[in-house]
């Protein structure tokens, strides 16, 4: 089993979303675009702009937490700007 950390970009308002999943990226994107979570249901359709894969859940969770931190948010912004 693989674990993924991903960054989504809202095609409606340009906001980014950082998440983690054990599902395939395609399946998780489909869920977000169907409005499964409250935040993504209010922010339009999404596309994946970046993802990383991990063998261990703890590594993926650690990376997700980093990308949601102050320094990590700067990295997310750079990825968004260069997409």
C-alpha atoms as a PDB file:
ATOM      1  CA  UNK A   1       0.000   0.000   0.000  1.00  0.00           C
ATOM      2  CA  UNK A   2       1.166   3.498  -0.833  1.00  0.00           C
ATOM      3  CA  UNK A   3       0.319   6.749   0.916  1.00  0.00           C
ATOM      4  CA  UNK A   4       0.142  10.099  -0.830  1.00  0.00           C
ATOM      5  CA  UNK A   5       0.461  13.744   0.128  1.00  0.00           C
ATOM      6  CA  UNK A   6      -1.063  16.022  -2.457  1.00  0.00           C
ATOM      7  CA  UNK A   7      -1.736  19.650  -3.273  1.00  0.00           C
ATOM      8  CA  UNK A   8      -4.933  20.641  -5.021  1.00  0.00           C
ATOM      9  CA  UNK A   9      -5.611  23.937  -6.755  1.00  0.00           C
ATOM     10  CA  UNK A  10      -9.151  25.306  -6.925  1.00  0.00           C
ATOM     11  CA  UNK A  11      -9.996  26.187 -10.492  1.00  0.00           C
ATOM     12  CA  UNK A  12     -12.673  28.549  -9.177  1.00  0.00           C
ATOM     13  CA  UNK A  13     -10.838  30.752  -6.687  1.00  0.00           C
ATOM     14  CA  UNK A  14      -7.159  29.735  -6.872  1.00  0.00           C
ATOM     15  CA  UNK A  15      -6.947  28.459  -3.287  1.00  0.00           C
ATOM     16  CA  UNK A  16      -4.785  25.455  -2.467  1.00  0.00           C
ATOM     17  CA  UNK A  17      -5.599  22.397  -0.375  1.00  0.00           C
ATOM     18  CA  UNK A  18      -3.030  20.024   1.150  1.00  0.00           C
ATOM     19  CA  UNK A  19      -4.129  16.509   1.997  1.00  0.00           C
ATOM     20  CA  UNK A  20      -3.034  12.953   2.673  1.00  0.00           C
ATOM     21  CA  UNK A  21      -4.629   9.722   1.482  1.00  0.00           C
ATOM     22  CA  UNK A  22      -4.127   5.985   1.181  1.00  0.00           C
ATOM     23  CA  UNK A  23      -6.422   5.977  -1.877  1.00  0.00           C
ATOM     24  CA  UNK A  24      -5.206   6.643  -5.391  1.00  0.00           C
ATOM     25  CA  UNK A  25      -4.722  10.303  -6.259  1.00  0.00           C
ATOM     26  CA  UNK A  26      -7.350  10.024  -9.004  1.00  0.00           C
ATOM     27  CA  UNK A  27      -9.933   8.539  -6.639  1.00  0.00           C
ATOM     28  CA  UNK A  28      -9.291  11.160  -3.961  1.00  0.00           C
ATOM     29  CA  UNK A  29      -9.483  13.998  -6.508  1.00  0.00           C
ATOM     30  CA  UNK A  30     -12.821  12.658  -7.704  1.00  0.00           C
ATOM     31  CA  UNK A  31     -14.115  12.664  -4.109  1.00  0.00           C
ATOM     32  CA  UNK A  32     -12.988  16.257  -3.584  1.00  0.00           C
ATOM     33  CA  UNK A  33     -14.653  17.354  -6.810  1.00  0.00           C
ATOM     34  CA  UNK A  34     -17.872  15.638  -5.700  1.00  0.00           C
ATOM     35  CA  UNK A  35     -17.835  17.702  -2.498  1.00  0.00           C
ATOM     36  CA  UNK A  36     -17.044  14.926   0.011  1.00  0.00           C
ATOM     37  CA  UNK A  37     -15.320  17.307   2.445  1.00  0.00           C
ATOM     38  CA  UNK A  38     -16.882  20.548   3.635  1.00  0.00           C
ATOM     39  CA  UNK A  39     -13.935  22.775   2.667  1.00  0.00           C
ATOM     40  CA  UNK A  40     -13.549  21.417  -0.844  1.00  0.00           C
ATOM     41  CA  UNK A  41     -17.294  21.438  -1.491  1.00  0.00           C
ATOM     42  CA  UNK A  42     -17.285  25.226  -0.961  1.00  0.00           C
ATOM     43  CA  UNK A  43     -14.240  25.951  -3.103  1.00  0.00           C
ATOM     44  CA  UNK A  44     -15.067  24.642  -6.548  1.00  0.00           C
ATOM     45  CA  UNK A  45     -13.533  22.023  -8.781  1.00  0.00           C
ATOM     46  CA  UNK A  46      -9.905  21.057  -8.261  1.00  0.00           C
ATOM     47  CA  UNK A  47      -6.902  19.805 -10.112  1.00  0.00           C
ATOM     48  CA  UNK A  48      -3.816  18.117  -8.656  1.00  0.00           C
ATOM     49  CA  UNK A  49      -0.760  20.337  -8.974  1.00  0.00           C
ATOM     50  CA  UNK A  50       1.665  18.212  -6.938  1.00  0.00           C
ATOM     51  CA  UNK A  51       1.912  14.931  -5.071  1.00  0.00           C
ATOM     52  CA  UNK A  52       4.441  12.728  -3.305  1.00  0.00           C
ATOM     53  CA  UNK A  53       4.205   9.011  -2.516  1.00  0.00           C
ATOM     54  CA  UNK A  54       5.345   7.223   0.625  1.00  0.00           C
ATOM     55  CA  UNK A  55       5.643   3.626   1.775  1.00  0.00           C
ATOM     56  CA  UNK A  56       4.898   4.487   5.399  1.00  0.00           C
ATOM     57  CA  UNK A  57       1.836   6.293   6.732  1.00  0.00           C
ATOM     58  CA  UNK A  58       3.818   8.124   9.404  1.00  0.00           C
ATOM     59  CA  UNK A  59       6.093   9.656   6.762  1.00  0.00           C
ATOM     60  CA  UNK A  60       3.132  10.890   4.709  1.00  0.00           C
ATOM     61  CA  UNK A  61       1.432  12.350   7.779  1.00  0.00           C
ATOM     62  CA  UNK A  62       4.668  14.066   8.810  1.00  0.00           C
ATOM     63  CA  UNK A  63       5.039  15.622   5.346  1.00  0.00           C
ATOM     64  CA  UNK A  64       1.401  16.762   5.279  1.00  0.00           C
ATOM     65  CA  UNK A  65       1.875  18.422   8.668  1.00  0.00           C
ATOM     66  CA  UNK A  66       5.028  20.158   7.383  1.00  0.00           C
ATOM     67  CA  UNK A  67       3.264  21.471   4.254  1.00  0.00           C
ATOM     68  CA  UNK A  68       0.574  22.977   6.487  1.00  0.00           C
ATOM     69  CA  UNK A  69       3.194  24.720   8.673  1.00  0.00           C
ATOM     70  CA  UNK A  70       4.675  28.187   8.111  1.00  0.00           C
ATOM     71  CA  UNK A  71       7.696  27.075   6.080  1.00  0.00           C
ATOM     72  CA  UNK A  72       5.673  24.414   4.285  1.00  0.00           C
ATOM     73  CA  UNK A  73       3.080  26.988   3.214  1.00  0.00           C
ATOM     74  CA  UNK A  74       5.869  28.929   1.503  1.00  0.00           C
ATOM     75  CA  UNK A  75       6.813  25.779  -0.411  1.00  0.00           C
ATOM     76  CA  UNK A  76       3.165  25.221  -1.388  1.00  0.00           C
ATOM     77  CA  UNK A  77       3.019  28.807  -2.648  1.00  0.00           C
ATOM     78  CA  UNK A  78       6.162  28.258  -4.770  1.00  0.00           C
ATOM     79  CA  UNK A  79       4.706  25.068  -6.235  1.00  0.00           C
ATOM     80  CA  UNK A  80       1.464  26.910  -7.044  1.00  0.00           C
ATOM     81  CA  UNK A  81       3.298  29.829  -8.656  1.00  0.00           C
ATOM     82  CA  UNK A  82       5.367  27.487 -10.840  1.00  0.00           C
ATOM     83  CA  UNK A  83       2.519  25.215 -11.883  1.00  0.00           C
END
